[in-house]
C-alpha atoms as a PDB file:
ATOM      1  CA  MET A   1      -0.107  -0.356   0.143  1.00  0.00           C
ATOM      2  CA  PRO A   2       1.927   2.811  -1.236  1.00  0.00           C
ATOM      3  CA  LYS A   3       2.041   6.318   0.884  1.00  0.00           C
ATOM      4  CA  PHE A   4       2.947   9.453   0.057  1.00  0.00           C
ATOM      5  CA  ARG A   5       1.954  13.110   0.272  1.00  0.00           C
ATOM      6  CA  LEU A   6      -0.497  14.920  -2.267  1.00  0.00           C
ATOM      7  CA  ASN A   7      -0.973  18.261  -2.004  1.00  0.00           C
ATOM      8  CA  GLY A   8       0.139  18.676   1.174  1.00  0.00           C
ATOM      9  CA  HIS A   9      -1.812  15.530   3.008  1.00  0.00           C
ATOM     10  CA  GLU A  10      -0.372  12.022   3.451  1.00  0.00           C
ATOM     11  CA  VAL A  11      -2.416   9.648   1.411  1.00  0.00           C
ATOM     12  CA  SER A  12      -2.403   5.796   1.053  1.00  0.00           C
ATOM     13  CA  ALA A  13      -3.777   3.784  -1.835  1.00  0.00           C
ATOM     14  CA  GLU A  14      -4.743  -0.052  -1.821  1.00  0.00           C
ATOM     15  CA  VAL A  15      -3.621  -0.789  -5.468  1.00  0.00           C
ATOM     16  CA  PRO A  16      -0.672  -2.638  -7.078  1.00  0.00           C
ATOM     17  CA  GLY A  17       3.057  -0.868  -6.692  1.00  0.00           C
ATOM     18  CA  GLU A  18       3.093  -1.038 -10.656  1.00  0.00           C
ATOM     19  CA  MET A  19      -0.227   0.630 -11.233  1.00  0.00           C
ATOM     20  CA  PRO A  20       0.712   4.167 -12.892  1.00  0.00           C
ATOM     21  CA  LEU A  21       0.442   7.012 -10.824  1.00  0.00           C
ATOM     22  CA  LEU A  22      -1.617   8.809 -13.207  1.00  0.00           C
ATOM     23  CA  TRP A  23      -4.705   5.898 -12.511  1.00  0.00           C
ATOM     24  CA  VAL A  24      -4.431   6.276  -9.102  1.00  0.00           C
ATOM     25  CA  LEU A  25      -4.469   9.563  -8.871  1.00  0.00           C
ATOM     26  CA  ARG A  26      -7.627   9.641 -10.855  1.00  0.00           C
ATOM     27  CA  ASP A  27      -9.528   6.464 -10.193  1.00  0.00           C
ATOM     28  CA  THR A  28      -8.515   5.938  -6.868  1.00  0.00           C
ATOM     29  CA  LEU A  29      -7.832   8.982  -4.978  1.00  0.00           C
ATOM     30  CA  GLY A  30     -10.428  11.072  -7.437  1.00  0.00           C
ATOM     31  CA  TYR A  31      -7.905  13.881  -8.903  1.00  0.00           C
ATOM     32  CA  THR A  32      -9.312  14.267 -11.880  1.00  0.00           C
ATOM     33  CA  GLY A  33      -7.101  17.643 -12.860  1.00  0.00           C
ATOM     34  CA  THR A  34      -4.472  15.421 -14.534  1.00  0.00           C
ATOM     35  CA  LYS A  35      -5.445  13.890 -17.777  1.00  0.00           C
ATOM     36  CA  TYR A  36      -4.652  10.861 -19.570  1.00  0.00           C
ATOM     37  CA  GLY A  37      -3.531  11.763 -23.374  1.00  0.00           C
ATOM     38  CA  CYS A  38      -1.039   8.962 -24.698  1.00  0.00           C
ATOM     39  CA  GLY A  39       0.037   6.733 -22.010  1.00  0.00           C
ATOM     40  CA  MET A  40       3.581   7.040 -23.208  1.00  0.00           C
ATOM     41  CA  ALA A  41       4.634   9.672 -21.646  1.00  0.00           C
ATOM     42  CA  LEU A  42       5.170  11.666 -24.482  1.00  0.00           C
ATOM     43  CA  CYS A  43       2.458  14.444 -24.895  1.00  0.00           C
ATOM     44  CA  GLY A  44       2.596  15.821 -21.215  1.00  0.00           C
ATOM     45  CA  ALA A  45      -1.082  15.887 -20.475  1.00  0.00           C
ATOM     46  CA  CYS A  46      -0.492  13.834 -17.144  1.00  0.00           C
ATOM     47  CA  THR A  47       2.337  16.074 -16.082  1.00  0.00           C
ATOM     48  CA  VAL A  48       2.478  16.198 -11.884  1.00  0.00           C
ATOM     49  CA  HIS A  49       5.407  17.710  -9.979  1.00  0.00           C
ATOM     50  CA  VAL A  50       7.160  14.779  -8.109  1.00  0.00           C
ATOM     51  CA  GLU A  51       9.503  16.577  -4.853  1.00  0.00           C
ATOM     52  CA  GLY A  52       8.843  19.614  -7.306  1.00  0.00           C
ATOM     53  CA  ARG A  53      10.150  18.017 -10.705  1.00  0.00           C
ATOM     54  CA  ALA A  54       7.641  17.964 -13.501  1.00  0.00           C
ATOM     55  CA  VAL A  55       7.005  14.139 -14.393  1.00  0.00           C
ATOM     56  CA  ARG A  56       4.896  12.302 -16.504  1.00  0.00           C
ATOM     57  CA  SER A  57       2.273  10.338 -14.323  1.00  0.00           C
ATOM     58  CA  CYS A  58       0.998   8.267 -16.861  1.00  0.00           C
ATOM     59  CA  VAL A  59       3.967   5.656 -16.655  1.00  0.00           C
ATOM     60  CA  LEU A  60       5.395   6.163 -13.278  1.00  0.00           C
ATOM     61  CA  PRO A  61       4.636   3.695 -10.907  1.00  0.00           C
ATOM     62  CA  VAL A  62       2.999   4.754  -8.011  1.00  0.00           C
ATOM     63  CA  SER A  63       5.330   2.588  -6.040  1.00  0.00           C
ATOM     64  CA  SER A  64       8.245   5.113  -6.936  1.00  0.00           C
ATOM     65  CA  VAL A  65       6.601   8.059  -5.191  1.00  0.00           C
ATOM     66  CA  ALA A  66       6.327   6.320  -1.944  1.00  0.00           C
ATOM     67  CA  GLY A  67       7.465   8.528   0.811  1.00  0.00           C
ATOM     68  CA  GLN A  68       7.358  11.546  -1.594  1.00  0.00           C
ATOM     69  CA  SER A  69       5.719  14.648  -2.487  1.00  0.00           C
ATOM     70  CA  VAL A  70       3.313  14.684  -5.389  1.00  0.00           C
ATOM     71  CA  THR A  71       1.619  18.146  -6.372  1.00  0.00           C
ATOM     72  CA  THR A  72      -1.253  17.906  -8.708  1.00  0.00           C
ATOM     73  CA  ILE A  73      -3.063  20.854 -10.820  1.00  0.00           C
ATOM     74  CA  GLU A  74      -5.430  20.714  -7.903  1.00  0.00           C
ATOM     75  CA  GLY A  75      -2.344  21.462  -5.368  1.00  0.00           C
ATOM     76  CA  LEU A  76      -0.868  24.160  -7.262  1.00  0.00           C
ATOM     77  CA  GLY A  77      -2.831  27.313  -6.365  1.00  0.00           C
ATOM     78  CA  SER A  78      -6.191  27.984  -5.068  1.00  0.00           C
ATOM     79  CA  PRO A  79      -9.353  29.634  -6.746  1.00  0.00           C
ATOM     80  CA  GLU A  80      -8.301  32.766  -3.918  1.00  0.00           C
ATOM     81  CA  GLN A  81      -4.978  32.537  -4.619  1.00  0.00           C
ATOM     82  CA  LEU A  82      -3.656  31.462  -8.151  1.00  0.00           C
ATOM     83  CA  HIS A  83      -0.303  30.540  -8.847  1.00  0.00           C
ATOM     84  CA  PRO A  84       1.729  32.973 -11.236  1.00  0.00           C
ATOM     85  CA  VAL A  85       1.460  30.356 -13.896  1.00  0.00           C
ATOM     86  CA  GLN A  86      -2.576  29.741 -13.834  1.00  0.00           C
ATOM     87  CA  GLN A  87      -3.023  33.536 -13.623  1.00  0.00           C
ATOM     88  CA  ALA A  88      -0.715  34.215 -16.647  1.00  0.00           C
ATOM     89  CA  TRP A  89      -2.749  31.238 -18.372  1.00  0.00           C
ATOM     90  CA  VAL A  90      -5.996  33.549 -17.509  1.00  0.00           C
ATOM     91  CA  ASP A  91      -4.491  36.892 -18.442  1.00  0.00           C
ATOM     92  CA  GLU A  92      -3.356  35.102 -21.754  1.00  0.00           C
ATOM     93  CA  GLN A  93      -6.157  33.431 -22.498  1.00  0.00           C
ATOM     94  CA  VAL A  94      -4.577  30.491 -23.361  1.00  0.00           C
ATOM     95  CA  PRO A  95      -7.077  27.519 -23.092  1.00  0.00           C
ATOM     96  CA  GLN A  96      -8.789  26.544 -26.355  1.00  0.00           C
ATOM     97  CA  CYS A  97     -10.091  23.246 -25.441  1.00  0.00           C
ATOM     98  CA  GLY A  98      -8.230  23.197 -22.040  1.00  0.00           C
ATOM     99  CA  TYR A  99      -7.886  19.515 -22.161  1.00  0.00           C
ATOM    100  CA  CYS A 100      -4.136  19.709 -22.038  1.00  0.00           C
ATOM    101  CA  GLN A 101      -3.524  22.907 -19.806  1.00  0.00           C
ATOM    102  CA  PRO A 102      -3.289  21.372 -16.502  1.00  0.00           C
ATOM    103  CA  GLY A 103      -0.473  19.139 -17.823  1.00  0.00           C
ATOM    104  CA  MET A 104       0.977  22.017 -19.151  1.00  0.00           C
ATOM    105  CA  ILE A 105       0.733  24.640 -16.672  1.00  0.00           C
ATOM    106  CA  MET A 106       2.307  22.002 -14.322  1.00  0.00           C
ATOM    107  CA  ALA A 107       5.358  21.493 -16.733  1.00  0.00           C
ATOM    108  CA  VAL A 108       5.813  25.394 -17.167  1.00  0.00           C
ATOM    109  CA  ALA A 109       5.669  26.035 -12.982  1.00  0.00           C
ATOM    110  CA  ALA A 110       8.403  23.707 -12.622  1.00  0.00           C
ATOM    111  CA  PHE A 111      10.204  24.714 -15.463  1.00  0.00           C
ATOM    112  CA  LEU A 112      10.580  28.518 -14.087  1.00  0.00           C
ATOM    113  CA  GLU A 113      11.598  27.016 -10.955  1.00  0.00           C
ATOM    114  CA  GLN A 114      14.689  26.239 -12.436  1.00  0.00           C
ATOM    115  CA  ASN A 115      15.043  28.886 -15.050  1.00  0.00           C
ATOM    116  CA  PRO A 116      13.176  31.987 -13.757  1.00  0.00           C
ATOM    117  CA  GLN A 117      13.593  34.096 -16.816  1.00  0.00           C
ATOM    118  CA  PRO A 118      13.864  31.768 -19.996  1.00  0.00           C
ATOM    119  CA  ASP A 119      14.226  32.838 -23.536  1.00  0.00           C
ATOM    120  CA  ASP A 120      12.462  31.286 -26.358  1.00  0.00           C
ATOM    121  CA  GLU A 121      14.923  28.909 -27.079  1.00  0.00           C
ATOM    122  CA  ALA A 122      15.119  27.515 -23.512  1.00  0.00           C
ATOM    123  CA  ILE A 123      10.764  27.179 -23.708  1.00  0.00           C
ATOM    124  CA  ASN A 124      11.195  25.651 -27.007  1.00  0.00           C
ATOM    125  CA  ARG A 125      13.566  22.699 -25.616  1.00  0.00           C
ATOM    126  CA  SER A 126      12.265  22.661 -22.267  1.00  0.00           C
ATOM    127  CA  ILE A 127       8.562  22.795 -22.395  1.00  0.00           C
ATOM    128  CA  THR A 128       7.869  19.798 -24.556  1.00  0.00           C
ATOM    129  CA  ASN A 129       3.827  19.376 -24.210  1.00  0.00           C
ATOM    130  CA  ILE A 130       1.709  19.054 -26.816  1.00  0.00           C
ATOM    131  CA  CYS A 131      -1.374  21.237 -27.517  1.00  0.00           C
ATOM    132  CA  ARG A 132      -3.519  19.786 -30.283  1.00  0.00           C
ATOM    133  CA  CYS A 133      -5.229  23.078 -30.420  1.00  0.00           C
ATOM    134  CA  GLY A 134      -2.275  24.920 -31.125  1.00  0.00           C
ATOM    135  CA  THR A 135      -2.380  27.538 -28.348  1.00  0.00           C
ATOM    136  CA  TYR A 136       1.534  27.591 -28.659  1.00  0.00           C
ATOM    137  CA  PRO A 137       1.918  31.309 -29.230  1.00  0.00           C
ATOM    138  CA  ARG A 138      -0.438  32.128 -26.121  1.00  0.00           C
ATOM    139  CA  ILE A 139       1.223  29.579 -24.107  1.00  0.00           C
ATOM    140  CA  ARG A 140       4.619  31.012 -24.745  1.00  0.00           C
ATOM    141  CA  ARG A 141       3.274  34.585 -23.950  1.00  0.00           C
ATOM    142  CA  ALA A 142       1.679  33.403 -20.413  1.00  0.00           C
ATOM    143  CA  ILE A 143       5.073  32.120 -19.843  1.00  0.00           C
ATOM    144  CA  HIS A 144       6.704  35.230 -20.262  1.00  0.00           C
ATOM    145  CA  ARG A 145       4.164  36.904 -18.444  1.00  0.00           C
ATOM    146  CA  ALA A 146       4.370  34.446 -15.416  1.00  0.00           C
ATOM    147  CA  ALA A 147       8.059  34.821 -15.349  1.00  0.00           C
ATOM    148  CA  GLY A 148       7.816  38.773 -14.805  1.00  0.00           C
ATOM    149  CA  ARG A 149       5.173  38.010 -12.126  1.00  0.00           C
ATOM    150  CA  ARG A 150       7.510  35.683 -10.477  1.00  0.00           C
ATOM    151  CA  ARG A 151      10.481  38.583 -10.838  1.00  0.00           C
ATOM    152  CA  GLN A 152       8.290  41.103  -9.169  1.00  0.00           C
ATOM    153  CA  SER A 153       6.987  38.789  -6.074  1.00  0.00           C
ATOM    154  CA  SER A 154      10.464  37.594  -5.428  1.00  0.00           C
END
């Protein structure tokens, strides 16, 4: 029974250790903000943070996060206090269909922790999530906006 910290709370799941974290989050624990996209860690719809690092949860066995801290989109900010990346997404009106956006936001939040003032080349190299609607220009503007907001709040 893997135990880990999810969005600041201790949780355990009575599931096989090899079950992908994505399915534990969605089907066992009810955190449906993390999406299933490809099942092969290619599209990024399933991105969550494990110990602050962006990971693709569709191929990550839940046993590998035992004793660690996992953050989903539900734990990134709150309706009263959006995370700077979430606020930038709203300000730039990024989503079209919105399906990939939780994973994209999680990837960007972790990226900005490591690279607080990215240029376009760094964004292209590091943010590999796929948006089928093609909102990449708005995503890029939101990343730059969030980076500016992070500098102001530091």
